Structures are given as C-alpha cells and as structure tokens.
N, C-alpha and C. Protein backbone atom coordinates (compact mmCIF):
# COMPACT_ATOMS: atom_id res chain seq x y z
N MET A 1 70.74 -119.45 -0.60
CA MET A 1 70.94 -118.07 -0.21
C MET A 1 69.71 -117.26 -0.61
N SER A 2 69.18 -116.50 0.33
CA SER A 2 67.97 -115.73 0.04
C SER A 2 68.34 -114.33 -0.42
N GLN A 3 67.48 -113.80 -1.27
CA GLN A 3 67.71 -112.45 -1.75
C GLN A 3 67.05 -111.46 -0.79
N THR A 4 67.72 -110.37 -0.60
CA THR A 4 67.11 -109.32 0.22
C THR A 4 66.34 -108.37 -0.67
N CYS A 5 65.36 -107.77 -0.11
CA CYS A 5 64.52 -106.85 -0.86
C CYS A 5 65.15 -105.46 -0.81
N ASP A 6 65.56 -104.96 -1.96
CA ASP A 6 66.11 -103.61 -2.05
C ASP A 6 65.40 -102.90 -3.20
N PRO A 7 64.48 -102.03 -2.91
CA PRO A 7 63.72 -101.38 -3.98
C PRO A 7 64.57 -100.50 -4.88
N ARG A 8 65.79 -100.16 -4.45
CA ARG A 8 66.65 -99.31 -5.28
C ARG A 8 67.45 -100.12 -6.28
N ALA A 9 67.56 -101.42 -6.07
CA ALA A 9 68.33 -102.26 -6.99
C ALA A 9 67.53 -102.45 -8.27
N PRO A 10 68.21 -102.39 -9.44
CA PRO A 10 67.48 -102.47 -10.71
C PRO A 10 66.83 -103.83 -10.96
N ALA A 11 67.42 -104.92 -10.55
CA ALA A 11 66.86 -106.24 -10.85
C ALA A 11 66.37 -106.93 -9.58
N ALA A 12 65.97 -106.19 -8.60
CA ALA A 12 65.53 -106.77 -7.33
C ALA A 12 64.10 -107.27 -7.47
N PRO A 13 63.76 -108.34 -6.75
CA PRO A 13 62.37 -108.80 -6.77
C PRO A 13 61.48 -107.78 -6.06
N PRO A 14 60.19 -107.77 -6.39
CA PRO A 14 59.31 -106.79 -5.75
C PRO A 14 59.24 -107.01 -4.25
N CYS A 15 59.21 -105.94 -3.52
CA CYS A 15 59.17 -106.02 -2.06
C CYS A 15 57.71 -106.15 -1.61
N PRO A 16 57.46 -107.00 -0.62
CA PRO A 16 56.10 -107.07 -0.08
C PRO A 16 55.79 -105.79 0.68
N PRO A 17 54.53 -105.41 0.72
CA PRO A 17 54.19 -104.18 1.44
C PRO A 17 54.53 -104.33 2.92
N SER A 18 55.10 -103.31 3.46
CA SER A 18 55.46 -103.36 4.88
C SER A 18 54.33 -102.79 5.72
N ARG A 19 54.37 -103.04 6.98
CA ARG A 19 53.36 -102.52 7.89
C ARG A 19 53.40 -100.99 7.92
N GLY A 20 54.58 -100.42 7.83
CA GLY A 20 54.72 -98.97 7.84
C GLY A 20 54.02 -98.31 6.66
N SER A 21 54.11 -98.95 5.45
CA SER A 21 53.46 -98.35 4.29
C SER A 21 51.95 -98.41 4.42
N ALA A 22 51.42 -99.46 5.05
CA ALA A 22 49.98 -99.53 5.27
C ALA A 22 49.53 -98.45 6.24
N LEU A 23 50.34 -98.20 7.26
CA LEU A 23 50.00 -97.13 8.21
C LEU A 23 50.07 -95.77 7.55
N GLN A 24 51.05 -95.59 6.68
CA GLN A 24 51.16 -94.31 5.99
C GLN A 24 49.97 -94.10 5.06
N ALA A 25 49.51 -95.16 4.40
CA ALA A 25 48.34 -95.04 3.53
C ALA A 25 47.10 -94.69 4.36
N GLY A 26 46.95 -95.32 5.51
CA GLY A 26 45.82 -95.00 6.38
C GLY A 26 45.89 -93.58 6.90
N ARG A 27 47.09 -93.13 7.21
CA ARG A 27 47.28 -91.76 7.69
C ARG A 27 46.95 -90.77 6.58
N GLY A 28 47.31 -91.11 5.34
CA GLY A 28 46.99 -90.23 4.22
C GLY A 28 45.49 -90.09 4.03
N ALA A 29 44.77 -91.20 4.19
CA ALA A 29 43.30 -91.13 4.07
C ALA A 29 42.71 -90.30 5.20
N LEU A 30 43.28 -90.41 6.39
CA LEU A 30 42.80 -89.64 7.52
C LEU A 30 43.03 -88.15 7.29
N VAL A 31 44.20 -87.81 6.78
CA VAL A 31 44.50 -86.41 6.51
C VAL A 31 43.59 -85.88 5.41
N ALA A 32 43.35 -86.68 4.38
CA ALA A 32 42.47 -86.26 3.29
C ALA A 32 41.04 -86.06 3.80
N GLY A 33 40.61 -86.89 4.73
CA GLY A 33 39.28 -86.74 5.28
C GLY A 33 39.17 -85.58 6.25
N ALA A 34 40.28 -85.17 6.84
CA ALA A 34 40.27 -84.07 7.81
C ALA A 34 40.28 -82.71 7.12
N ALA A 35 40.70 -82.65 5.88
CA ALA A 35 40.81 -81.36 5.19
C ALA A 35 39.45 -80.65 5.09
N PRO A 36 38.37 -81.32 4.69
CA PRO A 36 37.08 -80.62 4.65
C PRO A 36 36.62 -80.15 6.04
N VAL A 37 36.90 -80.94 7.05
CA VAL A 37 36.52 -80.55 8.41
C VAL A 37 37.31 -79.32 8.84
N ALA A 38 38.58 -79.29 8.53
CA ALA A 38 39.41 -78.13 8.87
C ALA A 38 38.92 -76.90 8.12
N GLY A 39 38.52 -77.07 6.86
CA GLY A 39 37.98 -75.94 6.10
C GLY A 39 36.70 -75.41 6.69
N LEU A 40 35.84 -76.31 7.15
CA LEU A 40 34.58 -75.90 7.79
C LEU A 40 34.86 -75.14 9.08
N ILE A 41 35.78 -75.64 9.87
CA ILE A 41 36.12 -74.96 11.12
C ILE A 41 36.70 -73.57 10.84
N ALA A 42 37.54 -73.46 9.83
CA ALA A 42 38.11 -72.16 9.48
C ALA A 42 37.03 -71.18 9.02
N THR A 43 36.07 -71.67 8.24
CA THR A 43 34.97 -70.82 7.77
C THR A 43 34.12 -70.35 8.94
N LEU A 44 33.78 -71.26 9.83
CA LEU A 44 32.96 -70.88 10.99
C LEU A 44 33.70 -69.88 11.87
N TRP A 45 35.00 -70.06 12.07
CA TRP A 45 35.78 -69.13 12.87
C TRP A 45 35.82 -67.75 12.22
N ARG A 46 36.00 -67.70 10.90
CA ARG A 46 36.03 -66.42 10.18
C ARG A 46 34.70 -65.71 10.31
N ARG A 47 33.59 -66.45 10.16
CA ARG A 47 32.27 -65.83 10.31
C ARG A 47 32.05 -65.29 11.71
N TYR A 48 32.48 -66.04 12.72
CA TYR A 48 32.34 -65.60 14.11
C TYR A 48 33.15 -64.32 14.34
N ARG A 49 34.38 -64.30 13.85
CA ARG A 49 35.25 -63.13 14.02
C ARG A 49 34.67 -61.91 13.29
N ASN A 50 34.16 -62.12 12.06
CA ASN A 50 33.57 -61.01 11.31
C ASN A 50 32.30 -60.51 11.99
N ARG A 51 31.51 -61.40 12.54
CA ARG A 51 30.28 -60.99 13.24
C ARG A 51 30.63 -60.12 14.45
N ARG A 52 31.68 -60.51 15.18
CA ARG A 52 32.10 -59.70 16.34
C ARG A 52 32.54 -58.30 15.90
N GLN A 53 33.27 -58.23 14.80
CA GLN A 53 33.75 -56.93 14.31
C GLN A 53 32.58 -56.05 13.85
N ILE A 54 31.63 -56.65 13.17
CA ILE A 54 30.49 -55.87 12.68
C ILE A 54 29.61 -55.42 13.84
N THR A 55 29.52 -56.23 14.88
CA THR A 55 28.76 -55.83 16.06
C THR A 55 29.36 -54.56 16.67
N ARG A 56 30.66 -54.41 16.59
CA ARG A 56 31.31 -53.21 17.12
C ARG A 56 30.92 -51.96 16.34
N LEU A 57 30.47 -52.13 15.10
CA LEU A 57 30.02 -50.96 14.32
C LEU A 57 28.78 -50.32 14.96
N LEU A 58 28.00 -51.11 15.68
CA LEU A 58 26.80 -50.56 16.32
C LEU A 58 27.15 -49.56 17.42
N ASP A 59 28.38 -49.58 17.90
CA ASP A 59 28.82 -48.62 18.92
C ASP A 59 29.15 -47.26 18.32
N MET A 60 29.26 -47.18 17.01
CA MET A 60 29.59 -45.91 16.36
C MET A 60 28.35 -45.04 16.24
N ASP A 61 28.59 -43.72 16.16
CA ASP A 61 27.45 -42.82 15.96
C ASP A 61 27.12 -42.72 14.46
N GLU A 62 26.03 -42.04 14.15
CA GLU A 62 25.53 -41.98 12.77
C GLU A 62 26.53 -41.31 11.82
N ARG A 63 27.23 -40.29 12.31
CA ARG A 63 28.18 -39.58 11.46
C ARG A 63 29.33 -40.51 11.04
N MET A 64 29.83 -41.28 11.98
CA MET A 64 30.93 -42.20 11.65
C MET A 64 30.46 -43.29 10.69
N LEU A 65 29.26 -43.78 10.87
CA LEU A 65 28.73 -44.78 9.95
C LEU A 65 28.55 -44.19 8.55
N ARG A 66 28.07 -42.94 8.48
CA ARG A 66 27.92 -42.29 7.18
C ARG A 66 29.27 -42.13 6.49
N ASP A 67 30.31 -41.83 7.28
CA ASP A 67 31.66 -41.71 6.70
C ASP A 67 32.12 -43.03 6.07
N LEU A 68 31.65 -44.14 6.62
CA LEU A 68 31.97 -45.45 6.06
C LEU A 68 31.07 -45.82 4.89
N GLY A 69 30.03 -45.03 4.69
CA GLY A 69 29.10 -45.30 3.59
C GLY A 69 28.03 -46.31 3.94
N ILE A 70 27.77 -46.48 5.23
CA ILE A 70 26.73 -47.42 5.66
C ILE A 70 25.80 -46.74 6.64
N GLU A 71 24.66 -47.34 6.85
CA GLU A 71 23.70 -46.85 7.82
C GLU A 71 23.54 -47.89 8.92
N ARG A 72 23.00 -47.46 10.04
CA ARG A 72 22.79 -48.38 11.15
C ARG A 72 21.87 -49.53 10.73
N ALA A 73 20.89 -49.25 9.89
CA ALA A 73 19.98 -50.29 9.43
C ALA A 73 20.72 -51.35 8.61
N ASP A 74 21.74 -50.93 7.85
CA ASP A 74 22.55 -51.89 7.09
C ASP A 74 23.29 -52.84 8.02
N VAL A 75 23.86 -52.28 9.09
CA VAL A 75 24.60 -53.10 10.05
C VAL A 75 23.66 -54.10 10.72
N GLN A 76 22.48 -53.61 11.13
CA GLN A 76 21.52 -54.48 11.79
C GLN A 76 21.02 -55.57 10.85
N ALA A 77 20.79 -55.22 9.59
CA ALA A 77 20.33 -56.21 8.62
C ALA A 77 21.41 -57.27 8.37
N ALA A 78 22.65 -56.85 8.35
CA ALA A 78 23.74 -57.81 8.14
C ALA A 78 23.87 -58.75 9.32
N LEU A 79 23.66 -58.25 10.51
CA LEU A 79 23.81 -59.08 11.71
C LEU A 79 22.63 -59.99 11.95
N TYR A 80 21.43 -59.48 11.71
CA TYR A 80 20.25 -60.23 12.11
C TYR A 80 19.52 -60.87 10.93
N GLY A 81 20.11 -60.83 9.77
CA GLY A 81 19.49 -61.43 8.60
C GLY A 81 19.81 -62.91 8.51
N ASP A 82 20.12 -63.34 7.32
CA ASP A 82 20.42 -64.74 7.03
C ASP A 82 21.70 -65.16 7.75
N HIS A 83 21.60 -66.15 8.62
CA HIS A 83 22.77 -66.58 9.38
C HIS A 83 23.68 -67.49 8.57
N GLY A 84 23.25 -67.92 7.39
CA GLY A 84 24.10 -68.76 6.56
C GLY A 84 25.15 -67.96 5.80
N LEU A 85 24.96 -66.66 5.73
CA LEU A 85 25.87 -65.79 4.98
C LEU A 85 26.77 -65.04 5.95
N ASP A 86 28.02 -64.90 5.58
CA ASP A 86 28.97 -64.15 6.39
C ASP A 86 28.45 -62.71 6.51
N PRO A 87 28.32 -62.16 7.73
CA PRO A 87 27.75 -60.83 7.88
C PRO A 87 28.58 -59.74 7.21
N SER A 88 29.89 -59.94 7.08
CA SER A 88 30.70 -58.92 6.40
C SER A 88 30.38 -58.89 4.91
N VAL A 89 30.10 -60.04 4.34
CA VAL A 89 29.72 -60.10 2.92
C VAL A 89 28.37 -59.42 2.72
N LYS A 90 27.44 -59.72 3.62
CA LYS A 90 26.10 -59.12 3.50
C LYS A 90 26.18 -57.60 3.68
N LEU A 91 26.98 -57.14 4.63
CA LEU A 91 27.13 -55.70 4.83
C LEU A 91 27.73 -55.04 3.59
N SER A 92 28.68 -55.69 2.97
CA SER A 92 29.28 -55.16 1.75
C SER A 92 28.25 -55.06 0.63
N LEU A 93 27.41 -56.08 0.50
CA LEU A 93 26.35 -56.04 -0.53
C LEU A 93 25.36 -54.92 -0.25
N LEU A 94 24.97 -54.76 1.01
CA LEU A 94 24.04 -53.70 1.39
C LEU A 94 24.66 -52.32 1.16
N ARG A 95 25.93 -52.19 1.45
CA ARG A 95 26.62 -50.92 1.24
C ARG A 95 26.66 -50.56 -0.24
N ASN A 96 26.98 -51.55 -1.07
CA ASN A 96 27.02 -51.29 -2.51
C ASN A 96 25.64 -50.94 -3.05
N ARG A 97 24.62 -51.59 -2.54
CA ARG A 97 23.27 -51.31 -2.99
C ARG A 97 22.85 -49.90 -2.61
N SER A 98 23.14 -49.48 -1.37
CA SER A 98 22.75 -48.13 -0.95
C SER A 98 23.61 -47.08 -1.66
N ALA A 99 24.85 -47.39 -1.98
CA ALA A 99 25.70 -46.45 -2.72
C ALA A 99 25.16 -46.25 -4.13
N ASN A 100 24.64 -47.31 -4.75
CA ASN A 100 24.08 -47.18 -6.09
C ASN A 100 22.80 -46.36 -6.08
N ARG A 101 22.00 -46.47 -5.01
CA ARG A 101 20.78 -45.67 -4.91
C ARG A 101 21.10 -44.20 -4.68
N ALA A 102 22.13 -43.90 -3.93
CA ALA A 102 22.47 -42.53 -3.59
C ALA A 102 23.20 -41.82 -4.73
N ARG A 103 23.78 -42.56 -5.64
CA ARG A 103 24.54 -41.97 -6.73
C ARG A 103 23.60 -41.35 -7.76
N PRO A 104 23.80 -40.09 -8.13
CA PRO A 104 22.94 -39.48 -9.14
C PRO A 104 23.20 -40.10 -10.52
N ALA A 105 22.18 -40.06 -11.35
CA ALA A 105 22.29 -40.62 -12.69
C ALA A 105 23.28 -39.79 -13.50
N ARG A 106 24.05 -40.48 -14.35
CA ARG A 106 25.01 -39.78 -15.21
C ARG A 106 24.29 -39.16 -16.40
N ARG A 107 24.83 -38.04 -16.81
CA ARG A 107 24.28 -37.38 -18.01
C ARG A 107 25.02 -37.89 -19.24
N PRO A 108 24.33 -38.07 -20.32
CA PRO A 108 25.00 -38.52 -21.56
C PRO A 108 25.84 -37.45 -22.19
C-alpha cells in the first residue's frame, strides 16, 4: 500500500515539488523583475505629465506668474534645463531660490 502525500498530515513523508509550484516560483521571479520596470514607467509618466502642466504656465501673463511667486524665466529654465530632473521639482527649487533673494534681511 502506497502512502499519499498530504502536507497537512503531521507524520507524512515530504512531498515532491509539483509542476505548479515551479511555475509559481518562476512567476514570482518575473513579478519581482517587473517591479523596477513598472517603477521606471511610472516615473517617466509622472515627469511627462508634470512637464505638460508646467508648459501650460507659459500661457499665463506676468501678473499671474508673479501671484504664484515665479517668473517666466523660472518656468523656461525648468522646462529647458536638465532633462534628467522632473521639471516640477526644478521649478520648485527655482521658486524657493528667487523667494529667498526677494525676502528682506531680518533685523536682530
């Protein structure tokens, strides 16, 4: 009489690996390898979307840009500068830099 493989039984012999478990292991490796690719695609999509939004700032007049605390030159520098950096991040850095220059020095 042969014993059946039951992994839930306390004294059962070890079960040989099944074809399904090998496929699941391969699928897990595929999913793990796809995660960095999915992250890269998400980053590129976010940069593209942010670039489109910042391009729309160029349609605003000078008064509206001043209300936002930025200048047209800041928007242009963010769009046409380093393409490796998200343009919204660069615009934020430029805005903070120009805000610090425009702020008067504090008195002690």
